[in-house]
Protein backbone atom coordinates (compact mmCIF):
# COMPACT_ATOMS: atom_id res chain seq x y z
CA MET A 1 153.29 -74.53 92.33
CA ALA A 2 150.10 -74.52 90.57
CA ILE A 3 147.75 -71.51 91.41
CA GLU A 4 143.87 -71.49 90.79
CA LYS A 5 141.94 -68.31 90.13
CA GLU A 6 138.44 -67.08 88.87
CA VAL A 7 138.49 -64.62 86.16
CA ASP A 8 135.66 -62.20 84.85
CA MET A 9 135.81 -62.77 81.08
CA GLY A 10 133.92 -59.47 80.57
CA ILE A 11 132.06 -59.36 77.04
CA GLU A 12 131.28 -63.29 77.22
CA GLY A 13 129.75 -62.31 80.81
CA LYS A 14 131.00 -65.96 82.07
CA LYS A 15 133.29 -67.19 84.85
CA VAL A 16 136.13 -68.83 83.66
CA ASP A 17 138.36 -71.32 86.07
CA THR A 18 141.93 -70.83 84.90
CA HIS A 19 144.80 -72.94 86.06
CA ILE A 20 148.32 -71.46 86.13
CA GLY A 21 150.99 -74.34 86.28
CA ALA A 22 154.45 -73.85 87.51
CA ASP A 23 155.48 -73.39 84.08
CA GLY A 24 153.69 -70.09 83.64
CA GLU A 25 151.35 -71.65 81.16
CA SER A 26 147.66 -71.60 81.88
CA THR A 27 144.27 -73.58 80.32
CA SER A 28 140.97 -72.24 80.75
CA GLN A 29 137.54 -74.19 81.06
CA TYR A 30 134.76 -72.18 79.50
CA ASP A 31 131.04 -72.20 80.56
CA SER A 32 128.87 -73.66 77.93
CA THR A 33 126.65 -71.35 76.16
CA PRO A 34 122.81 -71.98 74.85
CA GLN A 35 123.03 -74.62 71.98
CA TYR A 36 121.21 -72.55 69.51
CA GLU A 37 123.85 -69.53 70.00
CA ALA A 38 126.86 -71.22 70.55
CA PRO A 39 128.55 -71.42 66.99
CA TYR A 40 128.32 -67.67 66.70
CA SER A 41 129.42 -66.74 70.54
CA ALA A 42 131.51 -69.62 71.60
CA PRO A 43 135.08 -68.03 72.29
CA LEU A 44 138.01 -69.56 70.58
CA HIS A 45 140.26 -72.05 72.56
CA ARG A 46 143.19 -70.50 74.34
CA LYS A 47 145.59 -73.25 73.76
CA LEU A 48 148.80 -71.24 72.54
CA LYS A 49 151.77 -72.10 74.64
CA SER A 50 154.81 -69.56 74.99
CA ARG A 51 156.87 -71.69 72.82
CA HIS A 52 154.44 -71.42 69.96
CA ILE A 53 154.06 -67.70 70.41
CA GLN A 54 157.59 -67.27 69.99
CA MET A 55 157.97 -69.16 67.17
CA ILE A 56 154.93 -67.57 65.52
CA ALA A 57 156.59 -64.37 65.98
CA ILE A 58 159.50 -65.58 64.04
CA GLY A 59 157.97 -67.02 61.58
CA GLY A 60 156.19 -63.82 60.86
CA ILE A 61 159.32 -62.26 60.33
CA ILE A 62 161.14 -64.89 58.15
CA GLY A 63 158.98 -65.39 55.05
CA PRO A 64 159.74 -66.63 51.68
CA GLY A 65 160.25 -62.92 50.40
CA LEU A 66 163.40 -62.97 52.59
CA PHE A 67 164.80 -65.64 50.80
CA VAL A 68 164.17 -64.36 47.37
CA GLY A 69 163.03 -60.60 47.64
CA SER A 70 166.16 -59.75 49.43
CA GLY A 71 168.00 -60.57 46.02
CA ASN A 72 165.74 -57.98 44.46
CA ALA A 73 166.50 -55.40 47.28
CA LEU A 74 170.38 -55.94 46.80
CA ARG A 75 169.84 -55.19 43.01
CA LEU A 76 168.21 -51.97 43.30
CA ALA A 77 170.16 -50.44 46.49
CA GLY A 78 173.31 -52.11 46.40
CA PRO A 79 175.13 -53.83 49.94
CA ALA A 80 175.21 -50.51 52.00
CA GLY A 81 171.90 -49.42 50.58
CA ILE A 82 169.64 -52.38 51.87
CA LEU A 83 171.48 -52.36 55.17
CA ILE A 84 170.46 -48.82 55.57
CA SER A 85 167.08 -49.12 54.62
CA PHE A 86 166.38 -52.70 56.19
CA SER A 87 167.71 -51.05 59.38
CA LEU A 88 165.70 -48.12 59.38
CA VAL A 89 162.38 -49.98 58.59
CA GLY A 90 163.28 -52.51 61.44
CA ILE A 91 163.57 -49.71 63.86
CA ILE A 92 159.97 -48.67 62.75
CA VAL A 93 158.80 -52.26 63.27
CA PHE A 94 160.31 -52.06 66.68
CA PHE A 95 158.25 -49.42 67.70
CA VAL A 96 154.96 -50.62 66.13
CA MET A 97 155.44 -53.81 67.99
CA GLN A 98 156.27 -51.85 71.58
CA SER A 99 153.05 -50.23 70.87
CA LEU A 100 150.92 -53.25 69.94
CA GLY A 101 152.79 -55.28 72.87
CA GLU A 102 151.57 -53.01 75.34
CA VAL A 103 147.85 -53.10 74.47
CA ALA A 104 147.61 -56.92 73.46
CA THR A 105 149.52 -58.27 76.72
CA LEU A 106 146.75 -56.13 78.65
CA ILE A 107 143.63 -56.89 76.48
CA PRO A 108 144.44 -60.06 74.31
CA VAL A 109 141.75 -60.47 72.21
CA SER A 110 141.77 -62.09 68.68
CA GLY A 111 140.52 -59.00 66.92
CA SER A 112 143.43 -57.55 68.31
CA PHE A 113 144.16 -53.84 66.50
CA THR A 114 140.84 -53.92 64.59
CA GLU A 115 139.36 -54.05 67.79
CA TYR A 116 141.17 -51.83 69.51
CA ALA A 117 140.74 -49.35 66.58
CA SER A 118 136.76 -49.78 67.38
CA ARG A 119 137.18 -49.37 71.18
CA PHE A 120 139.73 -46.30 71.34
CA VAL A 121 139.31 -44.50 68.15
CA ASP A 122 136.09 -44.73 65.93
CA ASP A 123 134.21 -47.97 64.61
CA SER A 124 134.36 -46.83 61.35
CA LEU A 125 138.01 -46.91 61.53
CA SER A 126 137.88 -50.58 62.87
CA PHE A 127 135.63 -51.39 59.71
CA ALA A 128 138.02 -49.91 57.08
CA LEU A 129 141.14 -51.41 58.82
CA GLY A 130 139.57 -54.97 59.19
CA TRP A 131 138.52 -55.05 55.60
CA ALA A 132 142.03 -54.01 54.50
CA TYR A 133 143.80 -56.24 56.71
CA TRP A 134 141.87 -59.09 55.65
CA TYR A 135 142.48 -58.25 52.10
CA LEU A 136 145.91 -57.97 52.98
CA TRP A 137 146.31 -61.70 54.24
CA VAL A 138 144.07 -63.02 51.31
CA THR A 139 146.07 -61.72 48.55
CA VAL A 140 149.41 -63.04 50.59
CA LEU A 141 148.02 -66.62 50.83
CA ALA A 142 147.11 -66.44 46.79
CA ASN A 143 150.39 -65.07 46.32
CA GLU A 144 151.95 -68.22 48.22
CA TYR A 145 149.66 -70.45 46.53
CA ASN A 146 151.27 -69.28 43.18
CA ALA A 147 154.56 -69.37 44.63
CA ILE A 148 154.83 -72.62 46.07
CA SER A 149 153.20 -74.22 42.89
CA LEU A 150 156.16 -72.67 40.99
CA VAL A 151 158.88 -73.85 43.55
CA VAL A 152 157.75 -77.28 43.69
CA ARG A 153 158.16 -77.72 39.93
CA TYR A 154 161.74 -76.86 40.30
CA TRP A 155 162.50 -80.66 40.82
CA ALA A 156 162.12 -82.45 37.51
CA GLY A 157 159.61 -85.00 39.18
CA ALA A 158 157.10 -82.72 40.12
CA GLN A 159 156.81 -81.22 36.58
CA VAL A 160 154.51 -83.73 35.47
CA VAL A 161 151.87 -82.13 37.55
CA PRO A 162 150.50 -79.39 35.92
CA GLN A 163 150.72 -75.72 38.06
CA TRP A 164 146.79 -75.62 38.63
CA ALA A 165 146.94 -79.06 40.38
CA TRP A 166 149.82 -77.89 42.78
CA ILE A 167 147.58 -75.14 43.74
CA LEU A 168 144.60 -77.43 44.27
CA ILE A 169 146.63 -79.71 46.14
CA PHE A 170 148.18 -77.10 48.85
CA TRP A 171 144.65 -75.45 48.87
CA PHE A 172 143.54 -78.84 50.75
CA ILE A 173 146.75 -79.02 52.70
CA PHE A 174 146.36 -75.48 54.13
CA ILE A 175 142.60 -75.73 54.98
CA SER A 176 143.19 -79.54 56.66
CA PHE A 177 145.77 -77.97 58.87
CA SER A 178 143.42 -75.30 59.90
CA PHE A 179 140.62 -77.34 60.70
CA LEU A 180 142.85 -79.30 63.19
CA GLY A 181 142.45 -76.23 65.73
CA ILE A 182 144.43 -73.74 67.17
CA LEU A 183 147.05 -76.27 68.89
CA ALA A 184 147.58 -78.02 65.56
CA TYR A 185 148.42 -74.79 63.98
CA GLY A 186 150.88 -73.61 66.92
CA GLU A 187 152.60 -77.21 66.53
CA VAL A 188 152.92 -76.70 62.75
CA GLU A 189 154.39 -73.01 62.74
CA PHE A 190 156.68 -74.20 65.45
CA TRP A 191 158.57 -76.85 63.63
CA LEU A 192 158.32 -75.03 60.33
CA SER A 193 159.62 -71.73 61.90
CA LEU A 194 162.56 -73.66 63.78
CA ILE A 195 163.53 -75.32 60.24
CA LYS A 196 163.80 -72.01 58.84
CA VAL A 197 165.88 -70.31 62.03
CA LEU A 198 168.15 -73.36 61.82
CA ALA A 199 168.60 -73.13 57.97
CA ILE A 200 169.59 -69.14 58.04
CA LEU A 201 172.26 -69.86 61.03
CA ILE A 202 173.59 -72.70 58.71
CA PHE A 203 173.71 -70.05 55.91
CA PHE A 204 175.41 -67.49 57.91
CA ILE A 205 177.86 -69.69 59.13
CA VAL A 206 178.78 -71.31 55.75
CA SER A 207 178.67 -67.55 54.31
CA ILE A 208 181.95 -66.54 56.74
CA PHE A 209 183.58 -69.44 55.20
CA ILE A 210 182.71 -68.51 51.76
CA SER A 211 183.91 -65.10 52.29
CA ALA A 212 187.05 -66.13 54.02
CA GLY A 213 187.94 -68.48 50.93
CA VAL A 214 187.81 -71.90 52.99
CA ILE A 215 184.66 -72.67 50.99
CA GLY A 216 184.71 -72.09 47.23
CA PRO A 217 187.40 -70.88 44.30
CA GLN A 218 188.64 -67.32 45.97
CA THR A 219 188.49 -65.36 48.96
CA ILE A 220 185.69 -62.53 48.75
CA GLY A 221 185.86 -60.32 51.76
CA PHE A 222 184.44 -57.16 50.88
CA LYS A 223 185.29 -56.88 47.45
CA TYR A 224 181.96 -56.39 46.05
CA TRP A 225 181.65 -53.27 48.17
CA ASN A 226 184.44 -51.84 46.19
CA ASP A 227 183.60 -53.04 42.58
CA PRO A 228 180.83 -52.65 41.34
CA GLY A 229 180.25 -50.46 44.70
CA ALA A 230 178.42 -50.15 48.06
CA PHE A 231 175.52 -48.45 46.51
CA ALA A 232 173.28 -49.27 43.26
CA ASP A 233 171.63 -46.04 42.87
CA SER A 234 172.91 -43.87 45.62
CA ILE A 235 169.76 -42.23 47.92
CA ASN A 236 167.46 -43.29 45.30
CA GLY A 237 167.98 -46.87 45.59
CA VAL A 238 167.83 -46.58 49.24
CA ALA A 239 164.60 -44.96 49.00
CA ARG A 240 162.92 -47.55 46.61
CA THR A 241 163.98 -50.45 48.90
CA PHE A 242 161.99 -48.91 51.62
CA VAL A 243 158.82 -50.54 50.33
CA ILE A 244 160.51 -53.92 49.59
CA ALA A 245 161.67 -53.96 53.40
CA GLY A 246 158.06 -53.05 54.60
CA THR A 247 156.67 -55.54 52.68
CA LEU A 248 159.14 -58.37 53.82
CA TYR A 249 158.53 -57.50 57.46
CA ALA A 250 154.77 -57.42 57.08
CA GLY A 251 153.38 -60.23 59.84
CA THR A 252 155.49 -59.01 62.70
CA GLU A 253 151.93 -57.87 64.15
CA MET A 254 150.71 -61.15 63.99
CA VAL A 255 151.63 -61.58 67.64
CA GLY A 256 148.87 -59.44 68.52
CA ILE A 257 146.26 -61.95 66.78
CA THR A 258 147.89 -65.02 68.57
CA ALA A 259 147.57 -63.12 71.93
CA GLY A 260 143.49 -63.79 71.98
CA GLU A 261 144.26 -67.61 71.36
CA ALA A 262 147.50 -67.71 74.13
CA GLY A 263 147.25 -69.60 77.24
CA ASN A 264 149.05 -66.99 79.30
CA PRO A 265 149.46 -63.82 76.98
CA ARG A 266 150.63 -61.86 80.08
CA ARG A 267 154.00 -63.69 79.84
CA ALA A 268 154.08 -65.07 76.49
CA VAL A 269 153.40 -61.74 74.39
CA PRO A 270 156.00 -59.20 76.41
CA ARG A 271 158.75 -62.31 75.87
CA ALA A 272 158.10 -62.03 72.28
CA ILE A 273 157.80 -58.48 71.73
CA ARG A 274 161.20 -57.93 73.82
CA GLN A 275 163.07 -59.93 71.48
CA VAL A 276 161.62 -58.60 68.29
CA PHE A 277 164.69 -56.08 68.11
CA TRP A 278 167.39 -58.82 68.42
CA ARG A 279 165.63 -61.17 65.91
CA ILE A 280 165.42 -58.01 63.08
CA LEU A 281 169.09 -57.71 63.70
CA ILE A 282 169.97 -61.22 63.44
CA PHE A 283 167.58 -62.33 60.61
CA TYR A 284 166.83 -59.76 58.40
CA VAL A 285 169.99 -57.49 58.97
CA GLY A 286 172.11 -60.27 59.30
CA MET A 287 170.71 -61.73 56.08
CA VAL A 288 171.20 -58.66 53.92
CA PHE A 289 174.64 -58.01 55.12
CA PHE A 290 175.95 -61.53 54.01
CA ILE A 291 174.20 -61.60 50.73
CA GLY A 292 175.89 -58.06 50.24
CA ILE A 293 179.09 -59.51 50.75
CA LEU A 294 178.82 -62.96 48.68
CA MET A 295 177.47 -61.44 45.51
CA PRO A 296 177.64 -57.92 43.31
CA TRP A 297 174.14 -56.07 43.20
CA ASN A 298 174.67 -56.23 39.22
CA ASP A 299 174.77 -59.77 38.85
CA GLU A 300 172.10 -60.38 36.29
CA ARG A 301 171.00 -63.56 38.07
CA LEU A 302 169.41 -61.46 40.48
CA LEU A 303 166.80 -60.22 38.02
CA GLY A 304 164.55 -63.10 38.26
CA LYS A 305 163.97 -64.06 35.07
CA GLY A 306 164.05 -67.70 35.74
CA SER A 307 162.33 -69.30 38.42
CA LYS A 308 162.08 -68.04 41.93
CA THR A 309 164.66 -70.45 43.31
CA ALA A 310 166.96 -69.20 40.75
CA ALA A 311 166.74 -65.65 41.69
CA SER A 312 167.32 -66.40 45.37
CA PRO A 313 170.64 -64.67 46.56
CA LEU A 314 171.40 -67.93 48.70
CA THR A 315 170.97 -70.22 46.01
CA ILE A 316 173.38 -67.94 43.77
CA ALA A 317 175.92 -67.61 46.56
CA LEU A 318 176.27 -71.58 47.16
CA SER A 319 176.35 -72.20 43.17
CA ASP A 320 179.13 -69.67 43.17
CA ALA A 321 180.82 -71.65 45.88
CA ARG A 322 180.59 -74.69 43.90
CA ILE A 323 178.20 -76.36 46.60
CA HIS A 324 176.31 -77.69 44.00
CA ALA A 325 173.49 -79.54 46.26
CA GLY A 326 172.75 -75.84 47.22
CA ALA A 327 170.08 -74.78 44.97
CA SER A 328 168.05 -78.07 45.82
CA LEU A 329 168.60 -77.38 49.74
CA ILE A 330 167.83 -73.58 49.32
CA ASN A 331 164.24 -74.81 47.27
CA SER A 332 163.61 -77.00 50.03
CA VAL A 333 163.66 -74.30 52.73
CA ILE A 334 161.51 -72.02 50.26
CA VAL A 335 158.84 -74.78 50.37
CA ILE A 336 159.04 -74.99 53.85
CA ALA A 337 159.01 -71.14 53.88
CA VAL A 338 155.87 -70.71 51.83
CA ILE A 339 153.98 -73.63 53.64
CA SER A 340 154.57 -71.72 56.64
CA ALA A 341 153.82 -68.32 55.27
CA GLY A 342 150.30 -69.84 53.64
CA ASN A 343 149.47 -71.16 56.92
CA SER A 344 149.68 -68.18 58.83
CA SER A 345 148.19 -66.35 56.13
CA LEU A 346 145.19 -68.46 56.51
CA TYR A 347 145.17 -67.95 60.11
CA VAL A 348 145.03 -64.27 60.28
CA SER A 349 142.62 -63.66 57.61
CA SER A 350 140.06 -66.04 59.51
CA ARG A 351 140.57 -64.71 62.74
CA THR A 352 140.22 -61.19 61.27
CA MET A 353 137.05 -61.95 59.41
CA LEU A 354 135.84 -63.91 62.64
CA PHE A 355 136.07 -60.32 64.50
CA MET A 356 134.28 -58.52 61.45
CA ALA A 357 131.32 -61.01 61.60
CA ARG A 358 130.89 -60.83 65.13
CA SER A 359 130.96 -57.24 65.26
CA GLY A 360 128.64 -56.53 62.81
CA LYS A 361 130.88 -55.39 60.04
CA ALA A 362 130.81 -58.65 57.97
CA PRO A 363 127.85 -61.46 57.05
CA ARG A 364 127.02 -62.99 60.42
CA ILE A 365 127.50 -66.33 59.38
CA LEU A 366 131.40 -66.01 58.94
CA GLY A 367 131.39 -65.72 62.83
CA LYS A 368 130.75 -69.49 63.37
CA VAL A 369 132.98 -71.62 65.47
CA ASN A 370 132.77 -75.22 65.88
CA LYS A 371 133.26 -77.19 69.03
CA ALA A 372 137.09 -77.42 68.58
CA GLY A 373 137.12 -73.46 68.60
CA VAL A 374 137.77 -73.21 64.73
CA PRO A 375 136.20 -70.53 62.91
CA TRP A 376 135.63 -72.95 60.00
CA VAL A 377 133.14 -70.75 57.81
CA ALA A 378 135.72 -67.76 57.87
CA LEU A 379 138.46 -70.06 57.19
CA LEU A 380 136.56 -71.40 53.92
CA PHE A 381 135.57 -68.20 52.69
CA SER A 382 138.91 -66.62 53.05
CA ASN A 383 140.64 -69.94 51.25
CA LEU A 384 137.83 -69.59 48.37
CA ILE A 385 138.89 -65.90 48.01
CA ALA A 386 142.32 -66.80 47.77
CA CYS A 387 141.49 -68.83 44.80
CA ILE A 388 142.28 -65.77 42.58
CA ALA A 389 145.72 -67.46 42.66
CA PHE A 390 144.49 -69.85 39.59
CA LEU A 391 144.52 -66.32 37.52
CA SER A 392 148.13 -66.59 37.67
CA VAL A 393 147.97 -69.97 35.56
CA SER A 394 146.31 -68.01 32.48
CA GLU A 395 148.60 -65.45 30.63
CA SER A 396 145.55 -63.34 29.86
CA ALA A 397 144.74 -63.10 33.33
CA GLY A 398 148.14 -62.82 35.03
CA THR A 399 148.04 -59.19 34.62
CA VAL A 400 144.96 -59.03 36.74
CA TYR A 401 146.53 -61.24 39.35
CA GLU A 402 149.85 -59.01 39.50
CA ALA A 403 147.58 -56.16 40.08
CA LEU A 404 145.75 -57.55 42.65
CA ILE A 405 148.52 -58.69 44.54
CA THR A 406 150.36 -55.26 44.25
CA LEU A 407 146.96 -53.56 45.67
CA SER A 408 147.75 -54.89 48.96
CA GLY A 409 151.10 -53.33 49.52
CA VAL A 410 149.83 -50.07 51.18
CA ALA A 411 147.83 -51.85 53.64
CA THR A 412 150.88 -53.00 55.40
CA PHE A 413 151.78 -49.27 56.27
CA ILE A 414 148.09 -48.36 57.09
CA VAL A 415 148.05 -51.21 59.75
CA TRP A 416 151.45 -50.21 61.42
CA GLY A 417 150.13 -46.49 61.38
CA THR A 418 146.62 -47.52 62.97
CA ILE A 419 148.67 -49.71 65.75
CA ALA A 420 150.43 -46.36 66.55
CA THR A 421 147.51 -44.37 66.78
CA VAL A 422 145.34 -46.80 68.56
CA HIS A 423 148.22 -46.88 71.32
CA ILE A 424 148.55 -43.22 71.44
CA ARG A 425 144.70 -43.03 72.19
CA PHE A 426 145.10 -45.90 74.60
CA ARG A 427 147.28 -43.75 76.67
CA LYS A 428 145.07 -40.80 76.71
CA GLY A 429 142.39 -43.10 77.88
CA LEU A 430 144.24 -44.41 80.83
CA ALA A 431 144.87 -40.99 81.65
CA ALA A 432 141.55 -39.22 81.47
CA GLN A 433 140.26 -42.58 83.60
CA ASP A 434 142.80 -41.99 86.29
CA GLN A 435 144.64 -45.32 85.31
CA SER A 436 148.42 -45.41 86.23
CA VAL A 437 150.74 -46.82 83.24
CA ASP A 438 152.97 -48.35 86.35
CA THR A 439 150.14 -50.85 86.86
CA LEU A 440 150.65 -52.12 82.81
CA PRO A 441 152.06 -55.82 82.55
CA PHE A 442 154.11 -54.58 79.62
CA LYS A 443 155.04 -50.93 79.02
CA ALA A 444 156.21 -49.69 75.26
CA MET A 445 159.70 -48.20 75.32
CA TRP A 446 160.61 -44.79 74.93
CA TYR A 447 156.69 -43.70 74.58
CA PRO A 448 155.60 -41.30 73.23
CA TYR A 449 158.49 -40.57 71.27
CA GLY A 450 158.89 -44.26 69.71
CA THR A 451 155.19 -44.17 69.13
CA TYR A 452 155.02 -41.11 67.34
CA PHE A 453 158.01 -41.76 65.37
CA ALA A 454 156.25 -44.98 64.09
CA LEU A 455 153.34 -42.84 63.29
CA GLY A 456 154.94 -40.66 61.36
CA ALA A 457 157.09 -42.76 59.38
CA ASN A 458 154.48 -45.19 58.54
CA VAL A 459 152.28 -42.04 57.21
CA PHE A 460 155.38 -40.95 55.08
CA LEU A 461 155.79 -44.51 53.74
CA ILE A 462 151.85 -44.94 52.96
CA PHE A 463 152.45 -41.83 50.47
CA PHE A 464 155.98 -42.46 49.47
CA GLN A 465 156.02 -46.32 48.83
CA GLY A 466 154.49 -45.61 44.94
CA TYR A 467 156.82 -42.73 44.18
CA THR A 468 158.65 -44.52 41.43
CA ALA A 469 155.19 -44.01 39.31
CA PHE A 470 156.46 -40.22 38.97
CA LEU A 471 159.79 -41.06 37.69
CA ASN A 472 160.23 -40.09 34.06
CA PRO A 473 157.90 -41.07 32.24
CA PHE A 474 155.34 -41.03 34.24
CA SER A 475 153.27 -44.53 34.68
CA ALA A 476 149.31 -44.14 34.95
CA LYS A 477 149.42 -47.83 35.53
CA ASP A 478 151.55 -47.83 38.32
CA PHE A 479 150.06 -44.79 39.86
CA VAL A 480 146.73 -46.57 39.68
CA VAL A 481 148.14 -49.74 41.29
CA ASN A 482 150.27 -48.37 44.18
CA TYR A 483 147.60 -45.66 45.42
CA ILE A 484 144.16 -47.04 44.87
CA LEU A 485 143.75 -48.68 48.13
CA LEU A 486 144.18 -45.24 49.79
CA PRO A 487 140.54 -43.89 48.44
CA VAL A 488 139.11 -47.34 48.55
CA PHE A 489 140.13 -47.21 52.38
CA VAL A 490 138.85 -43.88 52.81
CA MET A 491 135.46 -44.63 51.09
CA LEU A 492 134.99 -47.64 53.46
CA LEU A 493 135.81 -45.67 56.39
CA VAL A 494 133.65 -42.34 55.71
CA GLY A 495 130.85 -44.65 54.11
CA TYR A 496 130.49 -46.70 57.23
CA LYS A 497 130.70 -43.79 59.55
CA LEU A 498 127.90 -42.15 57.62
CA TRP A 499 125.98 -45.38 57.64
CA LYS A 500 126.20 -46.32 60.81
CA LYS A 501 126.66 -42.55 62.33
CA THR A 502 129.95 -43.34 64.31
CA LYS A 503 131.53 -40.86 66.57
CA LEU A 504 134.95 -40.84 68.08
CA VAL A 505 135.26 -42.33 71.21
CA LYS A 506 135.71 -40.03 73.93
CA VAL A 507 138.84 -40.81 76.26
CA GLU A 508 136.53 -40.62 79.30
CA GLU A 509 134.20 -43.33 77.92
CA MET A 510 136.97 -45.59 76.42
CA ASP A 511 136.30 -49.33 77.25
CA ILE A 512 139.73 -49.96 78.65
CA TRP A 513 138.68 -52.83 80.75
CA THR A 514 136.84 -55.69 78.33
CA GLY A 515 139.08 -58.54 77.41
CA ARG A 516 141.56 -58.68 80.28
CA ARG A 517 142.30 -61.88 81.32
CA GLU A 518 143.62 -61.25 84.67
CA GLY A 519 141.37 -58.71 85.93
CA ARG A 520 142.32 -55.23 87.14
CA LEU A 521 145.99 -55.74 88.05
CA THR A 522 147.66 -53.95 90.85
CA ARG A 523 150.97 -52.38 91.31
CA ASN A 524 152.30 -55.25 93.20
CA ASP A 525 151.08 -57.60 90.61
CA VAL A 526 153.28 -56.12 88.31
CA LYS A 527 156.30 -55.66 90.50
CA THR A 528 156.29 -59.32 91.18
CA ASP A 529 155.79 -60.41 87.68
CA GLU A 530 158.80 -58.16 86.91
CA GLU A 531 160.82 -59.41 89.79
CA HIS A 532 160.31 -63.27 88.79
CA ALA A 533 161.23 -62.53 85.22
CA ASP A 534 164.46 -60.71 86.30
CA ASN A 535 165.14 -63.60 88.68
CA GLU A 536 164.47 -66.29 85.74
CA VAL A 537 166.77 -64.61 83.39
CA LYS A 538 169.83 -64.29 86.07
CA LYS A 539 169.44 -67.83 86.37
CA ARG A 540 170.21 -68.54 82.76
CA GLY A 541 173.48 -68.87 81.45
CA PRO A 542 174.66 -67.19 77.78
CA LEU A 543 173.74 -69.91 75.84
CA LYS A 544 170.35 -70.35 76.98
CA ARG A 545 169.65 -66.87 76.50
CA ALA A 546 170.90 -66.76 73.09
CA LYS A 547 168.88 -69.64 72.34
CA GLU A 548 165.75 -67.58 73.78
CA VAL A 549 166.59 -64.77 71.78
CA ILE A 550 166.85 -66.81 68.62
CA ILE A 551 164.47 -69.52 68.95
CA GLY A 552 162.32 -68.79 71.89
């Protein structure tokens, strides 16, 4: 049965008629703003459905790095080593997502944790975080342009087109998808993510047959755990793959950004957050487990001296099993993964820049939105800066390009640490304003222990991620590349604080109301939602529950 309700949208100062259908999705009709003001103040369209949020959550986890970078991790740590490092970082990500889910479900805004940092901690932190997060995703986007231009050229027919031309072709493809609007982005990401999920599940099944000797020339079992061994470099190898694992997990926080454009974040976001643990367990831990039993960690092909496809552990495993079409199939999946990752990178970078512009932390013109709800100026700006990918084509500029990409590595841990900090401050604000946590539509598991663990672990990784620069002999170049973003981040934070004279937000003055989609929730509202969710789960069979965990 449909429900009609009127909701105060807070910061826009408008009343919005929200229609919530029997499927739990909602659509909103916004009052028009004055014509001269609309491009800079018009809200983004809230058209993402629950299935889109589910798949975007998966797409943020399954990137091209999982198909290729996992092989490098195996080489450095060994099969047992990568299981340990990926599992531990997965636990950190789980608690970070619990923290983000609690706040994003209650206050679903496209600025997400960048806006929360301003409202709950200090506006200067929001300024530094916003630019660091935008830079992270622009460099990821540039890396995807470079990656897809190489991966596509794996096929002989594509080699007649130069690398720079492929970068240009996909530049226009990505920007065209983005200009179609949020619903088009959601649909594209839904189907691309579905293909990635099915490809990984098929690989898991084939891996079992290969290991058992049903496919391929031999029975493998766990023989590579004995020779050359379960660990490549004892605890040192495990430590070195923490950074790789953290980099590959980057993007899970994307759910917080999409919440601002979700039709019904109160239902969609908690559902996506609750399934993060199982998806990490299945896709990441499952992937490193299977590649760890199918090939030895000292396989020279994992060094990646050739193409990205050749270095993929999936390609190596299928080739060894004499599945000759495997390399081409894996290359196709990697192409899909890169397109998905590039699409998402452009989405996140543009939405982050939109918030920065509208909050006075970036040029105002970047805050423009067209009638379709697309932040077109921020999209063009982000995509133009990503043209640093063209540097990779030149041998002389290649070193500069690699340094620019590496600089963004520590940003992931800064973002995750800030999310945990924001959550802690949010809880303090609730307590100071006599608001019960029982009225929250989603509560973080094991608070405060999980949140403080995530904060401490990310602070540790921020400083630990570049420790290899200190190994004998000391590498000044690696030290600068691994740590330069830290002083830059501090300079942005301190500089903005001194310029704008910002102050730490007092918990009793903290804005914990603006942006709430459902107004002030009562305990009965939350209880009704929880009872409805429990009843829905009980009605589903085991196969449907498994499908929702894996696909959404």
